[in-house]
Amino acid sequence: MSAPEPVVCTRCGRTRGPDDDPATALAWVSSRERGALRWLCPDCARQHVRDIEGKLPDEYW
């Protein structure tokens, strides 16, 4: 069985670690765009919450 791929923020490059606080680990946001799974760290998700809710394409952020 292969190890799961690490979760990396597509905006800033931050990596979710196994030792992260459980509340912080739950705050990561995932989305599927064009068949690819993308992740946002809590800081980037908070910064772009209106863009996410408005479903704006990433290039407008």
PDB file of N, CA and C in Angstrom:
ATOM      1  N   MET A   1       0.843  -1.165   0.000  1.00  0.00           N
ATOM      2  CA  MET A   1       0.000   0.000   0.000  1.00  0.00           C
ATOM      3  C   MET A   1       0.896   1.238   0.000  1.00  0.00           C
ATOM      4  N   SER A   2       0.634   2.177  -0.888  1.00  0.00           N
ATOM      5  CA  SER A   2       1.462   3.376  -0.972  1.00  0.00           C
ATOM      6  C   SER A   2       1.004   4.422   0.042  1.00  0.00           C
ATOM      7  N   ALA A   3       1.940   5.269   0.431  1.00  0.00           N
ATOM      8  CA  ALA A   3       1.634   6.339   1.383  1.00  0.00           C
ATOM      9  C   ALA A   3       0.812   7.416   0.685  1.00  0.00           C
ATOM     10  N   PRO A   4      -0.110   8.052   1.408  1.00  0.00           N
ATOM     11  CA  PRO A   4      -0.899   9.128   0.787  1.00  0.00           C
ATOM     12  C   PRO A   4      -0.004  10.321   0.445  1.00  0.00           C
ATOM     13  N   GLU A   5      -0.397  11.035  -0.599  1.00  0.00           N
ATOM     14  CA  GLU A   5       0.364  12.216  -0.993  1.00  0.00           C
ATOM     15  C   GLU A   5       0.223  13.287   0.076  1.00  0.00           C
ATOM     16  N   PRO A   6       1.281  14.072   0.299  1.00  0.00           N
ATOM     17  CA  PRO A   6       1.168  15.135   1.300  1.00  0.00           C
ATOM     18  C   PRO A   6       0.194  16.219   0.842  1.00  0.00           C
ATOM     19  N   VAL A   7      -0.462  16.836   1.789  1.00  0.00           N
ATOM     20  CA  VAL A   7      -1.395  17.921   1.498  1.00  0.00           C
ATOM     21  C   VAL A   7      -0.600  19.216   1.484  1.00  0.00           C
ATOM     22  N   VAL A   8      -0.622  19.912   0.323  1.00  0.00           N
ATOM     23  CA  VAL A   8       0.146  21.145   0.139  1.00  0.00           C
ATOM     24  C   VAL A   8      -0.789  22.237  -0.354  1.00  0.00           C
ATOM     25  N   CYS A   9      -0.692  23.428   0.226  1.00  0.00           N
ATOM     26  CA  CYS A   9      -1.510  24.568  -0.189  1.00  0.00           C
ATOM     27  C   CYS A   9      -1.102  25.006  -1.588  1.00  0.00           C
ATOM     28  N   THR A  10      -2.082  25.156  -2.478  1.00  0.00           N
ATOM     29  CA  THR A  10      -1.784  25.548  -3.855  1.00  0.00           C
ATOM     30  C   THR A  10      -1.456  27.029  -3.969  1.00  0.00           C
ATOM     31  N   ARG A  11      -1.749  27.825  -2.948  1.00  0.00           N
ATOM     32  CA  ARG A  11      -1.459  29.268  -2.993  1.00  0.00           C
ATOM     33  C   ARG A  11      -0.080  29.583  -2.423  1.00  0.00           C
ATOM     34  N   CYS A  12       0.242  29.069  -1.234  1.00  0.00           N
ATOM     35  CA  CYS A  12       1.485  29.468  -0.567  1.00  0.00           C
ATOM     36  C   CYS A  12       2.517  28.352  -0.438  1.00  0.00           C
ATOM     37  N   GLY A  13       2.117  27.101  -0.662  1.00  0.00           N
ATOM     38  CA  GLY A  13       3.058  25.991  -0.588  1.00  0.00           C
ATOM     39  C   GLY A  13       3.204  25.367   0.795  1.00  0.00           C
ATOM     40  N   ARG A  14       2.441  25.840   1.766  1.00  0.00           N
ATOM     41  CA  ARG A  14       2.497  25.274   3.120  1.00  0.00           C
ATOM     42  C   ARG A  14       2.070  23.812   3.086  1.00  0.00           C
ATOM     43  N   THR A  15       2.719  22.974   3.889  1.00  0.00           N
ATOM     44  CA  THR A  15       2.407  21.554   3.951  1.00  0.00           C
ATOM     45  C   THR A  15       1.705  21.239   5.267  1.00  0.00           C
ATOM     46  N   ARG A  16       0.639  20.452   5.180  1.00  0.00           N
ATOM     47  CA  ARG A  16      -0.054  20.009   6.393  1.00  0.00           C
ATOM     48  C   ARG A  16       0.733  18.854   6.979  1.00  0.00           C
ATOM     49  N   GLY A  17       1.144  19.005   8.212  1.00  0.00           N
ATOM     50  CA  GLY A  17       1.965  17.988   8.854  1.00  0.00           C
ATOM     51  C   GLY A  17       1.157  17.084   9.767  1.00  0.00           C
ATOM     52  N   PRO A  18       1.697  15.909  10.050  1.00  0.00           N
ATOM     53  CA  PRO A  18       0.986  14.962  10.923  1.00  0.00           C
ATOM     54  C   PRO A  18       0.913  15.450  12.368  1.00  0.00           C
ATOM     55  N   ASP A  19       1.775  16.393  12.743  1.00  0.00           N
ATOM     56  CA  ASP A  19       1.788  16.896  14.118  1.00  0.00           C
ATOM     57  C   ASP A  19       0.977  18.172  14.287  1.00  0.00           C
ATOM     58  N   ASP A  20       0.275  18.615  13.234  1.00  0.00           N
ATOM     59  CA  ASP A  20      -0.542  19.828  13.321  1.00  0.00           C
ATOM     60  C   ASP A  20      -1.659  19.637  14.338  1.00  0.00           C
ATOM     61  N   ASP A  21      -2.060  20.729  14.950  1.00  0.00           N
ATOM     62  CA  ASP A  21      -3.184  20.749  15.862  1.00  0.00           C
ATOM     63  C   ASP A  21      -4.423  20.220  15.127  1.00  0.00           C
ATOM     64  N   PRO A  22      -5.221  19.350  15.728  1.00  0.00           N
ATOM     65  CA  PRO A  22      -6.399  18.794  15.038  1.00  0.00           C
ATOM     66  C   PRO A  22      -7.364  19.851  14.513  1.00  0.00           C
ATOM     67  N   ALA A  23      -7.560  20.948  15.251  1.00  0.00           N
ATOM     68  CA  ALA A  23      -8.460  22.002  14.784  1.00  0.00           C
ATOM     69  C   ALA A  23      -7.902  22.670  13.536  1.00  0.00           C
ATOM     70  N   THR A  24      -6.593  22.852  13.483  1.00  0.00           N
ATOM     71  CA  THR A  24      -5.952  23.445  12.307  1.00  0.00           C
ATOM     72  C   THR A  24      -6.055  22.489  11.126  1.00  0.00           C
ATOM     73  N   ALA A  25      -5.858  21.205  11.360  1.00  0.00           N
ATOM     74  CA  ALA A  25      -5.935  20.214  10.281  1.00  0.00           C
ATOM     75  C   ALA A  25      -7.337  20.193   9.671  1.00  0.00           C
ATOM     76  N   LEU A  26      -8.366  20.413  10.473  1.00  0.00           N
ATOM     77  CA  LEU A  26      -9.739  20.425   9.968  1.00  0.00           C
ATOM     78  C   LEU A  26     -10.071  21.698   9.194  1.00  0.00           C
ATOM     79  N   ALA A  27      -9.272  22.744   9.367  1.00  0.00           N
ATOM     80  CA  ALA A  27      -9.547  24.024   8.711  1.00  0.00           C
ATOM     81  C   ALA A  27      -9.031  24.087   7.274  1.00  0.00           C
ATOM     82  N   TRP A  28      -8.306  23.067   6.818  1.00  0.00           N
ATOM     83  CA  TRP A  28      -7.841  23.034   5.430  1.00  0.00           C
ATOM     84  C   TRP A  28      -9.046  22.873   4.503  1.00  0.00           C
ATOM     85  N   VAL A  29      -9.010  23.531   3.352  1.00  0.00           N
ATOM     86  CA  VAL A  29     -10.124  23.519   2.395  1.00  0.00           C
ATOM     87  C   VAL A  29      -9.685  22.762   1.145  1.00  0.00           C
ATOM     88  N   SER A  30     -10.522  21.835   0.690  1.00  0.00           N
ATOM     89  CA  SER A  30     -10.228  21.112  -0.547  1.00  0.00           C
ATOM     90  C   SER A  30     -11.271  21.459  -1.604  1.00  0.00           C
ATOM     91  N   SER A  31     -10.832  21.410  -2.852  1.00  0.00           N
ATOM     92  CA  SER A  31     -11.759  21.634  -3.963  1.00  0.00           C
ATOM     93  C   SER A  31     -11.292  20.817  -5.156  1.00  0.00           C
ATOM     94  N   ARG A  32     -12.223  20.506  -6.021  1.00  0.00           N
ATOM     95  CA  ARG A  32     -11.897  19.794  -7.259  1.00  0.00           C
ATOM     96  C   ARG A  32     -12.100  20.750  -8.411  1.00  0.00           C
ATOM     97  N   GLU A  33     -11.043  20.980  -9.171  1.00  0.00           N
ATOM     98  CA  GLU A  33     -11.112  21.838 -10.349  1.00  0.00           C
ATOM     99  C   GLU A  33     -10.486  21.096 -11.512  1.00  0.00           C
ATOM    100  N   ARG A  34     -11.288  20.931 -12.560  1.00  0.00           N
ATOM    101  CA  ARG A  34     -10.840  20.225 -13.761  1.00  0.00           C
ATOM    102  C   ARG A  34     -10.279  18.836 -13.421  1.00  0.00           C
ATOM    103  N   GLY A  35     -10.928  18.177 -12.460  1.00  0.00           N
ATOM    104  CA  GLY A  35     -10.540  16.824 -12.091  1.00  0.00           C
ATOM    105  C   GLY A  35      -9.378  16.720 -11.123  1.00  0.00           C
ATOM    106  N   ALA A  36      -8.748  17.842 -10.776  1.00  0.00           N
ATOM    107  CA  ALA A  36      -7.607  17.823  -9.865  1.00  0.00           C
ATOM    108  C   ALA A  36      -8.040  18.259  -8.461  1.00  0.00           C
ATOM    109  N   LEU A  37      -7.535  17.564  -7.460  1.00  0.00           N
ATOM    110  CA  LEU A  37      -7.802  17.912  -6.074  1.00  0.00           C
ATOM    111  C   LEU A  37      -6.831  19.008  -5.656  1.00  0.00           C
ATOM    112  N   ARG A  38      -7.362  20.115  -5.137  1.00  0.00           N
ATOM    113  CA  ARG A  38      -6.541  21.249  -4.723  1.00  0.00           C
ATOM    114  C   ARG A  38      -6.821  21.557  -3.265  1.00  0.00           C
ATOM    115  N   TRP A  39      -5.796  22.033  -2.558  1.00  0.00           N
ATOM    116  CA  TRP A  39      -5.912  22.334  -1.138  1.00  0.00           C
ATOM    117  C   TRP A  39      -5.547  23.779  -0.863  1.00  0.00           C
ATOM    118  N   LEU A  40      -6.198  24.382   0.144  1.00  0.00           N
ATOM    119  CA  LEU A  40      -5.847  25.697   0.659  1.00  0.00           C
ATOM    120  C   LEU A  40      -5.635  25.573   2.162  1.00  0.00           C
ATOM    121  N   CYS A  41      -4.545  26.157   2.652  1.00  0.00           N
ATOM    122  CA  CYS A  41      -4.287  26.161   4.087  1.00  0.00           C
ATOM    123  C   CYS A  41      -5.283  27.100   4.770  1.00  0.00           C
ATOM    124  N   PRO A  42      -5.429  27.027   6.084  1.00  0.00           N
ATOM    125  CA  PRO A  42      -6.391  27.892   6.773  1.00  0.00           C
ATOM    126  C   PRO A  42      -6.151  29.383   6.530  1.00  0.00           C
ATOM    127  N   ASP A  43      -4.899  29.816   6.477  1.00  0.00           N
ATOM    128  CA  ASP A  43      -4.601  31.237   6.268  1.00  0.00           C
ATOM    129  C   ASP A  43      -5.034  31.699   4.879  1.00  0.00           C
ATOM    130  N   CYS A  44      -4.715  30.936   3.851  1.00  0.00           N
ATOM    131  CA  CYS A  44      -5.091  31.305   2.483  1.00  0.00           C
ATOM    132  C   CYS A  44      -6.606  31.212   2.300  1.00  0.00           C
ATOM    133  N   ALA A  45      -7.226  30.212   2.908  1.00  0.00           N
ATOM    134  CA  ALA A  45      -8.682  30.071   2.815  1.00  0.00           C
ATOM    135  C   ALA A  45      -9.369  31.270   3.459  1.00  0.00           C
ATOM    136  N   ARG A  46      -8.869  31.711   4.613  1.00  0.00           N
ATOM    137  CA  ARG A  46      -9.446  32.867   5.300  1.00  0.00           C
ATOM    138  C   ARG A  46      -9.260  34.129   4.464  1.00  0.00           C
ATOM    139  N   GLN A  47      -8.090  34.273   3.858  1.00  0.00           N
ATOM    140  CA  GLN A  47      -7.792  35.456   3.053  1.00  0.00           C
ATOM    141  C   GLN A  47      -8.674  35.525   1.803  1.00  0.00           C
ATOM    142  N   HIS A  48      -9.044  34.369   1.240  1.00  0.00           N
ATOM    143  CA  HIS A  48      -9.780  34.331  -0.022  1.00  0.00           C
ATOM    144  C   HIS A  48     -11.194  33.777   0.117  1.00  0.00           C
ATOM    145  N   VAL A  49     -11.777  33.872   1.301  1.00  0.00           N
ATOM    146  CA  VAL A  49     -13.091  33.278   1.539  1.00  0.00           C
ATOM    147  C   VAL A  49     -14.163  33.845   0.599  1.00  0.00           C
ATOM    148  N   ARG A  50     -14.145  35.132   0.322  1.00  0.00           N
ATOM    149  CA  ARG A  50     -15.153  35.706  -0.583  1.00  0.00           C
ATOM    150  C   ARG A  50     -14.961  35.203  -2.008  1.00  0.00           C
ATOM    151  N   ASP A  51     -13.715  35.046  -2.431  1.00  0.00           N
ATOM    152  CA  ASP A  51     -13.442  34.525  -3.766  1.00  0.00           C
ATOM    153  C   ASP A  51     -13.917  33.077  -3.889  1.00  0.00           C
ATOM    154  N   ILE A  52     -13.701  32.302  -2.829  1.00  0.00           N
ATOM    155  CA  ILE A  52     -14.113  30.897  -2.824  1.00  0.00           C
ATOM    156  C   ILE A  52     -15.641  30.801  -2.879  1.00  0.00           C
ATOM    157  N   GLU A  53     -16.316  31.569  -2.015  1.00  0.00           N
ATOM    158  CA  GLU A  53     -17.771  31.522  -1.975  1.00  0.00           C
ATOM    159  C   GLU A  53     -18.391  32.038  -3.269  1.00  0.00           C
ATOM    160  N   GLY A  54     -17.743  33.006  -3.916  1.00  0.00           N
ATOM    161  CA  GLY A  54     -18.231  33.539  -5.180  1.00  0.00           C
ATOM    162  C   GLY A  54     -17.850  32.677  -6.366  1.00  0.00           C
ATOM    163  N   LYS A  55     -17.102  31.597  -6.091  1.00  0.00           N
ATOM    164  CA  LYS A  55     -16.637  30.654  -7.113  1.00  0.00           C
ATOM    165  C   LYS A  55     -15.868  31.354  -8.244  1.00  0.00           C
ATOM    166  N   LEU A  56     -15.073  32.357  -7.869  1.00  0.00           N
ATOM    167  CA  LEU A  56     -14.237  33.032  -8.837  1.00  0.00           C
ATOM    168  C   LEU A  56     -13.073  32.136  -9.234  1.00  0.00           C
ATOM    169  N   PRO A  57     -12.678  32.152 -10.510  1.00  0.00           N
ATOM    170  CA  PRO A  57     -11.501  31.378 -10.917  1.00  0.00           C
ATOM    171  C   PRO A  57     -10.250  31.878 -10.185  1.00  0.00           C
ATOM    172  N   ASP A  58      -9.307  30.983  -9.943  1.00  0.00           N
ATOM    173  CA  ASP A  58      -8.080  31.321  -9.216  1.00  0.00           C
ATOM    174  C   ASP A  58      -7.331  32.510  -9.808  1.00  0.00           C
ATOM    175  N   GLU A  59      -7.374  32.666 -11.127  1.00  0.00           N
ATOM    176  CA  GLU A  59      -6.599  33.744 -11.727  1.00  0.00           C
ATOM    177  C   GLU A  59      -7.086  35.131 -11.315  1.00  0.00           C
ATOM    178  N   TYR A  60      -8.289  35.251 -10.731  1.00  0.00           N
ATOM    179  CA  TYR A  60      -8.801  36.541 -10.259  1.00  0.00           C
ATOM    180  C   TYR A  60      -8.429  36.832  -8.813  1.00  0.00           C
ATOM    181  N   TRP A  61      -7.853  35.878  -8.109  1.00  0.00           N
ATOM    182  CA  TRP A  61      -7.485  36.077  -6.731  1.00  0.00           C
ATOM    183  C   TRP A  61      -6.230  36.892  -6.707  1.00  0.00           C
TER     184      TRP A  61
END
